[in-house]
Amino acid sequence: MDPQTTWEQLLCAYAEGDWDVIEERATDLIAWLDHGGFPPKIVNRIGLDPDWDLALARAGCQFALESVRGTWIPSDASAVARRKP
């Protein structure tokens, strides 16, 4: 697996709203990372530890999956939802 290509495909799918591809790529990338695979380059900054890319890739994949599954609620939206009777 090429995690960089998978990450780029995930971003493109998210921009296009292709929920099936988003779920596939995010799931594949998380599985890759869970099995000790190296992360894609997320932040192109000299001197950043690779753990930053790992953390950002995991967070991005998790956000994408939560968006697809409808479990993510923006913090301001949750406050509004709690105020409604």
PDB file of N, CA and C in Angstrom:
ATOM      1  N   MET A   1       0.842  -1.181   0.000  1.00  0.00           N
ATOM      2  CA  MET A   1       0.000   0.000   0.000  1.00  0.00           C
ATOM      3  C   MET A   1       0.881   1.237   0.000  1.00  0.00           C
ATOM      4  N   ASP A   2       0.448   2.244  -0.701  1.00  0.00           N
ATOM      5  CA  ASP A   2       1.130   3.538  -0.705  1.00  0.00           C
ATOM      6  C   ASP A   2       0.281   4.499   0.126  1.00  0.00           C
ATOM      7  N   PRO A   3       0.686   4.755   1.380  1.00  0.00           N
ATOM      8  CA  PRO A   3      -0.137   5.591   2.246  1.00  0.00           C
ATOM      9  C   PRO A   3      -0.283   7.028   1.734  1.00  0.00           C
ATOM     10  N   GLN A   4       0.718   7.529   1.019  1.00  0.00           N
ATOM     11  CA  GLN A   4       0.618   8.898   0.504  1.00  0.00           C
ATOM     12  C   GLN A   4      -0.476   8.990  -0.566  1.00  0.00           C
ATOM     13  N   THR A   5      -0.500   8.025  -1.465  1.00  0.00           N
ATOM     14  CA  THR A   5      -1.530   7.992  -2.507  1.00  0.00           C
ATOM     15  C   THR A   5      -2.911   7.807  -1.878  1.00  0.00           C
ATOM     16  N   THR A   6      -2.994   6.931  -0.890  1.00  0.00           N
ATOM     17  CA  THR A   6      -4.269   6.698  -0.211  1.00  0.00           C
ATOM     18  C   THR A   6      -4.762   7.973   0.458  1.00  0.00           C
ATOM     19  N   TRP A   7      -3.858   8.692   1.117  1.00  0.00           N
ATOM     20  CA  TRP A   7      -4.224   9.959   1.771  1.00  0.00           C
ATOM     21  C   TRP A   7      -4.717  10.974   0.740  1.00  0.00           C
ATOM     22  N   GLU A   8      -4.003  11.099  -0.367  1.00  0.00           N
ATOM     23  CA  GLU A   8      -4.394  12.053  -1.409  1.00  0.00           C
ATOM     24  C   GLU A   8      -5.741  11.681  -2.026  1.00  0.00           C
ATOM     25  N   GLN A   9      -5.987  10.384  -2.211  1.00  0.00           N
ATOM     26  CA  GLN A   9      -7.283   9.940  -2.722  1.00  0.00           C
ATOM     27  C   GLN A   9      -8.393  10.232  -1.716  1.00  0.00           C
ATOM     28  N   LEU A  10      -8.084  10.081  -0.433  1.00  0.00           N
ATOM     29  CA  LEU A  10      -9.058  10.401   0.613  1.00  0.00           C
ATOM     30  C   LEU A  10      -9.425  11.882   0.562  1.00  0.00           C
ATOM     31  N   LEU A  11      -8.422  12.737   0.442  1.00  0.00           N
ATOM     32  CA  LEU A  11      -8.693  14.181   0.376  1.00  0.00           C
ATOM     33  C   LEU A  11      -9.520  14.547  -0.848  1.00  0.00           C
ATOM     34  N   CYS A  12      -9.186  13.959  -1.993  1.00  0.00           N
ATOM     35  CA  CYS A  12      -9.947  14.233  -3.227  1.00  0.00           C
ATOM     36  C   CYS A  12     -11.386  13.750  -3.089  1.00  0.00           C
ATOM     37  N   ALA A  13     -11.554  12.558  -2.530  1.00  0.00           N
ATOM     38  CA  ALA A  13     -12.903  12.014  -2.343  1.00  0.00           C
ATOM     39  C   ALA A  13     -13.711  12.895  -1.401  1.00  0.00           C
ATOM     40  N   TYR A  14     -13.060  13.403  -0.362  1.00  0.00           N
ATOM     41  CA  TYR A  14     -13.766  14.278   0.578  1.00  0.00           C
ATOM     42  C   TYR A  14     -14.202  15.562  -0.117  1.00  0.00           C
ATOM     43  N   ALA A  15     -13.315  16.115  -0.933  1.00  0.00           N
ATOM     44  CA  ALA A  15     -13.647  17.345  -1.661  1.00  0.00           C
ATOM     45  C   ALA A  15     -14.804  17.126  -2.636  1.00  0.00           C
ATOM     46  N   GLU A  16     -14.904  15.917  -3.181  1.00  0.00           N
ATOM     47  CA  GLU A  16     -15.954  15.596  -4.155  1.00  0.00           C
ATOM     48  C   GLU A  16     -17.216  15.040  -3.502  1.00  0.00           C
ATOM     49  N   GLY A  17     -17.150  14.743  -2.208  1.00  0.00           N
ATOM     50  CA  GLY A  17     -18.302  14.170  -1.520  1.00  0.00           C
ATOM     51  C   GLY A  17     -18.570  12.720  -1.893  1.00  0.00           C
ATOM     52  N   ASP A  18     -17.526  11.993  -2.267  1.00  0.00           N
ATOM     53  CA  ASP A  18     -17.657  10.584  -2.637  1.00  0.00           C
ATOM     54  C   ASP A  18     -17.529   9.728  -1.373  1.00  0.00           C
ATOM     55  N   TRP A  19     -18.654   9.525  -0.705  1.00  0.00           N
ATOM     56  CA  TRP A  19     -18.664   8.911   0.620  1.00  0.00           C
ATOM     57  C   TRP A  19     -18.148   7.479   0.622  1.00  0.00           C
ATOM     58  N   ASP A  20     -18.422   6.727  -0.451  1.00  0.00           N
ATOM     59  CA  ASP A  20     -17.922   5.344  -0.511  1.00  0.00           C
ATOM     60  C   ASP A  20     -16.399   5.303  -0.536  1.00  0.00           C
ATOM     61  N   VAL A  21     -15.787   6.149  -1.360  1.00  0.00           N
ATOM     62  CA  VAL A  21     -14.325   6.184  -1.460  1.00  0.00           C
ATOM     63  C   VAL A  21     -13.729   6.724  -0.166  1.00  0.00           C
ATOM     64  N   ILE A  22     -14.365   7.714   0.431  1.00  0.00           N
ATOM     65  CA  ILE A  22     -13.884   8.252   1.712  1.00  0.00           C
ATOM     66  C   ILE A  22     -13.794   7.127   2.738  1.00  0.00           C
ATOM     67  N   GLU A  23     -14.863   6.359   2.863  1.00  0.00           N
ATOM     68  CA  GLU A  23     -14.882   5.281   3.848  1.00  0.00           C
ATOM     69  C   GLU A  23     -13.826   4.221   3.549  1.00  0.00           C
ATOM     70  N   GLU A  24     -13.681   3.852   2.277  1.00  0.00           N
ATOM     71  CA  GLU A  24     -12.686   2.839   1.903  1.00  0.00           C
ATOM     72  C   GLU A  24     -11.268   3.307   2.205  1.00  0.00           C
ATOM     73  N   ARG A  25     -10.923   4.511   1.769  1.00  0.00           N
ATOM     74  CA  ARG A  25      -9.552   4.990   1.955  1.00  0.00           C
ATOM     75  C   ARG A  25      -9.227   5.216   3.419  1.00  0.00           C
ATOM     76  N   ALA A  26     -10.160   5.796   4.172  1.00  0.00           N
ATOM     77  CA  ALA A  26      -9.912   6.037   5.599  1.00  0.00           C
ATOM     78  C   ALA A  26      -9.752   4.714   6.343  1.00  0.00           C
ATOM     79  N   THR A  27     -10.590   3.754   6.039  1.00  0.00           N
ATOM     80  CA  THR A  27     -10.504   2.443   6.677  1.00  0.00           C
ATOM     81  C   THR A  27      -9.188   1.754   6.321  1.00  0.00           C
ATOM     82  N   ASP A  28      -8.820   1.807   5.045  1.00  0.00           N
ATOM     83  CA  ASP A  28      -7.565   1.188   4.608  1.00  0.00           C
ATOM     84  C   ASP A  28      -6.353   1.830   5.282  1.00  0.00           C
ATOM     85  N   LEU A  29      -6.363   3.161   5.362  1.00  0.00           N
ATOM     86  CA  LEU A  29      -5.210   3.851   5.935  1.00  0.00           C
ATOM     87  C   LEU A  29      -5.095   3.584   7.433  1.00  0.00           C
ATOM     88  N   ILE A  30      -6.208   3.558   8.137  1.00  0.00           N
ATOM     89  CA  ILE A  30      -6.158   3.250   9.570  1.00  0.00           C
ATOM     90  C   ILE A  30      -5.627   1.830   9.780  1.00  0.00           C
ATOM     91  N   ALA A  31      -6.090   0.887   8.974  1.00  0.00           N
ATOM     92  CA  ALA A  31      -5.613  -0.496   9.094  1.00  0.00           C
ATOM     93  C   ALA A  31      -4.104  -0.560   8.832  1.00  0.00           C
ATOM     94  N   TRP A  32      -3.649   0.168   7.833  1.00  0.00           N
ATOM     95  CA  TRP A  32      -2.217   0.221   7.511  1.00  0.00           C
ATOM     96  C   TRP A  32      -1.425   0.738   8.708  1.00  0.00           C
ATOM     97  N   LEU A  33      -1.885   1.829   9.280  1.00  0.00           N
ATOM     98  CA  LEU A  33      -1.197   2.425  10.424  1.00  0.00           C
ATOM     99  C   LEU A  33      -1.254   1.503  11.638  1.00  0.00           C
ATOM    100  N   ASP A  34      -2.385   0.843  11.849  1.00  0.00           N
ATOM    101  CA  ASP A  34      -2.532  -0.076  12.980  1.00  0.00           C
ATOM    102  C   ASP A  34      -1.579  -1.257  12.893  1.00  0.00           C
ATOM    103  N   HIS A  35      -1.179  -1.600  11.678  1.00  0.00           N
ATOM    104  CA  HIS A  35      -0.254  -2.723  11.493  1.00  0.00           C
ATOM    105  C   HIS A  35       1.199  -2.252  11.374  1.00  0.00           C
ATOM    106  N   GLY A  36       1.463  -1.038  11.816  1.00  0.00           N
ATOM    107  CA  GLY A  36       2.837  -0.547  11.867  1.00  0.00           C
ATOM    108  C   GLY A  36       3.339   0.111  10.599  1.00  0.00           C
ATOM    109  N   GLY A  37       2.449   0.355   9.643  1.00  0.00           N
ATOM    110  CA  GLY A  37       2.856   1.031   8.414  1.00  0.00           C
ATOM    111  C   GLY A  37       3.215   2.489   8.677  1.00  0.00           C
ATOM    112  N   PHE A  38       4.074   3.024   7.831  1.00  0.00           N
ATOM    113  CA  PHE A  38       4.477   4.424   8.000  1.00  0.00           C
ATOM    114  C   PHE A  38       3.366   5.348   7.527  1.00  0.00           C
ATOM    115  N   PRO A  39       3.255   6.527   8.137  1.00  0.00           N
ATOM    116  CA  PRO A  39       2.176   7.450   7.787  1.00  0.00           C
ATOM    117  C   PRO A  39       2.488   8.234   6.519  1.00  0.00           C
ATOM    118  N   PRO A  40       1.439   8.774   5.888  1.00  0.00           N
ATOM    119  CA  PRO A  40       1.676   9.684   4.779  1.00  0.00           C
ATOM    120  C   PRO A  40       2.240  10.999   5.315  1.00  0.00           C
ATOM    121  N   LYS A  41       2.834  11.774   4.449  1.00  0.00           N
ATOM    122  CA  LYS A  41       3.334  13.100   4.831  1.00  0.00           C
ATOM    123  C   LYS A  41       2.148  14.053   4.816  1.00  0.00           C
ATOM    124  N   ILE A  42       1.790  14.546   5.976  1.00  0.00           N
ATOM    125  CA  ILE A  42       0.640  15.444   6.103  1.00  0.00           C
ATOM    126  C   ILE A  42       1.106  16.894   6.137  1.00  0.00           C
ATOM    127  N   VAL A  43       2.125  17.160   6.934  1.00  0.00           N
ATOM    128  CA  VAL A  43       2.659  18.506   7.085  1.00  0.00           C
ATOM    129  C   VAL A  43       4.078  18.515   6.531  1.00  0.00           C
ATOM    130  N   ASN A  44       4.314  19.333   5.541  1.00  0.00           N
ATOM    131  CA  ASN A  44       5.626  19.384   4.904  1.00  0.00           C
ATOM    132  C   ASN A  44       6.490  20.450   5.578  1.00  0.00           C
ATOM    133  N   ARG A  45       6.941  20.146   6.778  1.00  0.00           N
ATOM    134  CA  ARG A  45       7.786  21.059   7.549  1.00  0.00           C
ATOM    135  C   ARG A  45       9.045  20.326   7.968  1.00  0.00           C
ATOM    136  N   ILE A  46      10.164  20.916   7.717  1.00  0.00           N
ATOM    137  CA  ILE A  46      11.442  20.337   8.116  1.00  0.00           C
ATOM    138  C   ILE A  46      11.521  20.310   9.635  1.00  0.00           C
ATOM    139  N   GLY A  47      11.981  19.196  10.159  1.00  0.00           N
ATOM    140  CA  GLY A  47      12.196  19.081  11.590  1.00  0.00           C
ATOM    141  C   GLY A  47      11.025  18.539  12.384  1.00  0.00           C
ATOM    142  N   LEU A  48       9.853  18.367  11.756  1.00  0.00           N
ATOM    143  CA  LEU A  48       8.731  17.798  12.499  1.00  0.00           C
ATOM    144  C   LEU A  48       8.921  16.295  12.630  1.00  0.00           C
ATOM    145  N   ASP A  49       8.662  15.804  13.797  1.00  0.00           N
ATOM    146  CA  ASP A  49       8.750  14.380  14.078  1.00  0.00           C
ATOM    147  C   ASP A  49       7.687  13.636  13.263  1.00  0.00           C
ATOM    148  N   PRO A  50       7.995  12.439  12.754  1.00  0.00           N
ATOM    149  CA  PRO A  50       6.999  11.668  11.993  1.00  0.00           C
ATOM    150  C   PRO A  50       5.743  11.342  12.800  1.00  0.00           C
ATOM    151  N   ASP A  51       5.851  11.411  14.122  1.00  0.00           N
ATOM    152  CA  ASP A  51       4.662  11.161  14.942  1.00  0.00           C
ATOM    153  C   ASP A  51       3.573  12.197  14.687  1.00  0.00           C
ATOM    154  N   TRP A  52       3.957  13.404  14.264  1.00  0.00           N
ATOM    155  CA  TRP A  52       2.956  14.422  13.903  1.00  0.00           C
ATOM    156  C   TRP A  52       2.123  13.939  12.723  1.00  0.00           C
ATOM    157  N   ASP A  53       2.801  13.416  11.695  1.00  0.00           N
ATOM    158  CA  ASP A  53       2.072  12.913  10.532  1.00  0.00           C
ATOM    159  C   ASP A  53       1.177  11.746  10.920  1.00  0.00           C
ATOM    160  N   LEU A  54       1.666  10.887  11.786  1.00  0.00           N
ATOM    161  CA  LEU A  54       0.876   9.751  12.242  1.00  0.00           C
ATOM    162  C   LEU A  54      -0.384  10.224  12.965  1.00  0.00           C
ATOM    163  N   ALA A  55      -0.223  11.156  13.888  1.00  0.00           N
ATOM    164  CA  ALA A  55      -1.367  11.667  14.651  1.00  0.00           C
ATOM    165  C   ALA A  55      -2.363  12.386  13.746  1.00  0.00           C
ATOM    166  N   LEU A  56      -1.856  13.186  12.823  1.00  0.00           N
ATOM    167  CA  LEU A  56      -2.745  13.920  11.922  1.00  0.00           C
ATOM    168  C   LEU A  56      -3.459  12.985  10.937  1.00  0.00           C
ATOM    169  N   ALA A  57      -2.759  11.966  10.458  1.00  0.00           N
ATOM    170  CA  ALA A  57      -3.387  11.007   9.545  1.00  0.00           C
ATOM    171  C   ALA A  57      -4.503  10.253  10.260  1.00  0.00           C
ATOM    172  N   ARG A  58      -4.229   9.810  11.479  1.00  0.00           N
ATOM    173  CA  ARG A  58      -5.268   9.109  12.251  1.00  0.00           C
ATOM    174  C   ARG A  58      -6.471  10.016  12.516  1.00  0.00           C
ATOM    175  N   ALA A  59      -6.200  11.242  12.922  1.00  0.00           N
ATOM    176  CA  ALA A  59      -7.289  12.174  13.212  1.00  0.00           C
ATOM    177  C   ALA A  59      -8.098  12.475  11.954  1.00  0.00           C
ATOM    178  N   GLY A  60      -7.414  12.665  10.829  1.00  0.00           N
ATOM    179  CA  GLY A  60      -8.109  12.929   9.573  1.00  0.00           C
ATOM    180  C   GLY A  60      -8.973  11.766   9.134  1.00  0.00           C
ATOM    181  N   CYS A  61      -8.443  10.563   9.267  1.00  0.00           N
ATOM    182  CA  CYS A  61      -9.217   9.369   8.904  1.00  0.00           C
ATOM    183  C   CYS A  61     -10.418   9.200   9.827  1.00  0.00           C
ATOM    184  N   GLN A  62     -10.200   9.405  11.111  1.00  0.00           N
ATOM    185  CA  GLN A  62     -11.300   9.271  12.066  1.00  0.00           C
ATOM    186  C   GLN A  62     -12.385  10.310  11.794  1.00  0.00           C
ATOM    187  N   PHE A  63     -11.981  11.534  11.523  1.00  0.00           N
ATOM    188  CA  PHE A  63     -12.946  12.586  11.192  1.00  0.00           C
ATOM    189  C   PHE A  63     -13.731  12.213   9.943  1.00  0.00           C
ATOM    190  N   ALA A  64     -13.031  11.704   8.928  1.00  0.00           N
ATOM    191  CA  ALA A  64     -13.693  11.314   7.680  1.00  0.00           C
ATOM    192  C   ALA A  64     -14.711  10.209   7.930  1.00  0.00           C
ATOM    193  N   LEU A  65     -14.325   9.199   8.706  1.00  0.00           N
ATOM    194  CA  LEU A  65     -15.248   8.104   8.989  1.00  0.00           C
ATOM    195  C   LEU A  65     -16.448   8.576   9.807  1.00  0.00           C
ATOM    196  N   GLU A  66     -16.215   9.429  10.768  1.00  0.00           N
ATOM    197  CA  GLU A  66     -17.323   9.960  11.561  1.00  0.00           C
ATOM    198  C   GLU A  66     -18.245  10.817  10.702  1.00  0.00           C
ATOM    199  N   SER A  67     -17.692  11.530   9.744  1.00  0.00           N
ATOM    200  CA  SER A  67     -18.511  12.334   8.830  1.00  0.00           C
ATOM    201  C   SER A  67     -19.380  11.435   7.963  1.00  0.00           C
ATOM    202  N   VAL A  68     -18.791  10.365   7.446  1.00  0.00           N
ATOM    203  CA  VAL A  68     -19.527   9.431   6.598  1.00  0.00           C
ATOM    204  C   VAL A  68     -20.650   8.769   7.387  1.00  0.00           C
ATOM    205  N   ARG A  69     -20.351   8.401   8.611  1.00  0.00           N
ATOM    206  CA  ARG A  69     -21.325   7.659   9.423  1.00  0.00           C
ATOM    207  C   ARG A  69     -22.292   8.575  10.160  1.00  0.00           C
ATOM    208  N   GLY A  70     -22.110   9.878  10.008  1.00  0.00           N
ATOM    209  CA  GLY A  70     -23.030  10.833  10.608  1.00  0.00           C
ATOM    210  C   GLY A  70     -22.922  10.948  12.108  1.00  0.00           C
ATOM    211  N   THR A  71     -21.751  10.635  12.672  1.00  0.00           N
ATOM    212  CA  THR A  71     -21.605  10.701  14.120  1.00  0.00           C
ATOM    213  C   THR A  71     -20.884  11.951  14.586  1.00  0.00           C
ATOM    214  N   TRP A  72     -20.356  12.721  13.655  1.00  0.00           N
ATOM    215  CA  TRP A  72     -19.630  13.930  14.027  1.00  0.00           C
ATOM    216  C   TRP A  72     -20.604  15.096  14.089  1.00  0.00           C
ATOM    217  N   ILE A  73     -20.554  15.829  15.191  1.00  0.00           N
ATOM    218  CA  ILE A  73     -21.394  17.014  15.359  1.00  0.00           C
ATOM    219  C   ILE A  73     -20.475  18.169  15.723  1.00  0.00           C
ATOM    220  N   PRO A  74     -20.493  19.255  14.937  1.00  0.00           N
ATOM    221  CA  PRO A  74     -19.675  20.415  15.290  1.00  0.00           C
ATOM    222  C   PRO A  74     -20.037  20.893  16.694  1.00  0.00           C
ATOM    223  N   SER A  75     -19.054  21.398  17.416  1.00  0.00           N
ATOM    224  CA  SER A  75     -19.288  21.790  18.799  1.00  0.00           C
ATOM    225  C   SER A  75     -20.386  22.839  18.931  1.00  0.00           C
ATOM    226  N   ASP A  76     -20.464  23.798  18.017  1.00  0.00           N
ATOM    227  CA  ASP A  76     -21.515  24.804  18.117  1.00  0.00           C
ATOM    228  C   ASP A  76     -22.880  24.213  17.788  1.00  0.00           C
ATOM    229  N   ALA A  77     -22.947  23.228  16.911  1.00  0.00           N
ATOM    230  CA  ALA A  77     -24.217  22.590  16.579  1.00  0.00           C
ATOM    231  C   ALA A  77     -24.729  21.761  17.753  1.00  0.00           C
ATOM    232  N   SER A  78     -23.840  21.119  18.493  1.00  0.00           N
ATOM    233  CA  SER A  78     -24.271  20.325  19.634  1.00  0.00           C
ATOM    234  C   SER A  78     -24.841  21.219  20.725  1.00  0.00           C
ATOM    235  N   ALA A  79     -24.271  22.406  20.889  1.00  0.00           N
ATOM    236  CA  ALA A  79     -24.798  23.349  21.885  1.00  0.00           C
ATOM    237  C   ALA A  79     -26.195  23.807  21.495  1.00  0.00           C
ATOM    238  N   VAL A  80     -26.405  24.049  20.210  1.00  0.00           N
ATOM    239  CA  VAL A  80     -27.730  24.455  19.721  1.00  0.00           C
ATOM    240  C   VAL A  80     -28.720  23.322  19.919  1.00  0.00           C
ATOM    241  N   ALA A  81     -28.309  22.098  19.614  1.00  0.00           N
ATOM    242  CA  ALA A  81     -29.194  20.953  19.752  1.00  0.00           C
ATOM    243  C   ALA A  81     -29.615  20.758  21.209  1.00  0.00           C
ATOM    244  N   ARG A  82     -28.709  21.024  22.152  1.00  0.00           N
ATOM    245  CA  ARG A  82     -29.054  20.857  23.572  1.00  0.00           C
ATOM    246  C   ARG A  82     -30.041  21.905  24.034  1.00  0.00           C
ATOM    247  N   ARG A  83     -30.046  23.083  23.403  1.00  0.00           N
ATOM    248  CA  ARG A  83     -30.937  24.166  23.831  1.00  0.00           C
ATOM    249  C   ARG A  83     -32.364  23.970  23.341  1.00  0.00           C
ATOM    250  N   LYS A  84     -32.567  23.158  22.312  1.00  0.00           N
ATOM    251  CA  LYS A  84     -33.912  22.961  21.760  1.00  0.00           C
ATOM    252  C   LYS A  84     -34.730  22.090  22.705  1.00  0.00           C
ATOM    253  N   PRO A  85     -36.021  22.442  22.870  1.00  0.00           N
ATOM    254  CA  PRO A  85     -36.880  21.640  23.761  1.00  0.00           C
ATOM    255  C   PRO A  85     -37.199  20.282  23.174  1.00  0.00           C
TER     256      PRO A  85
END
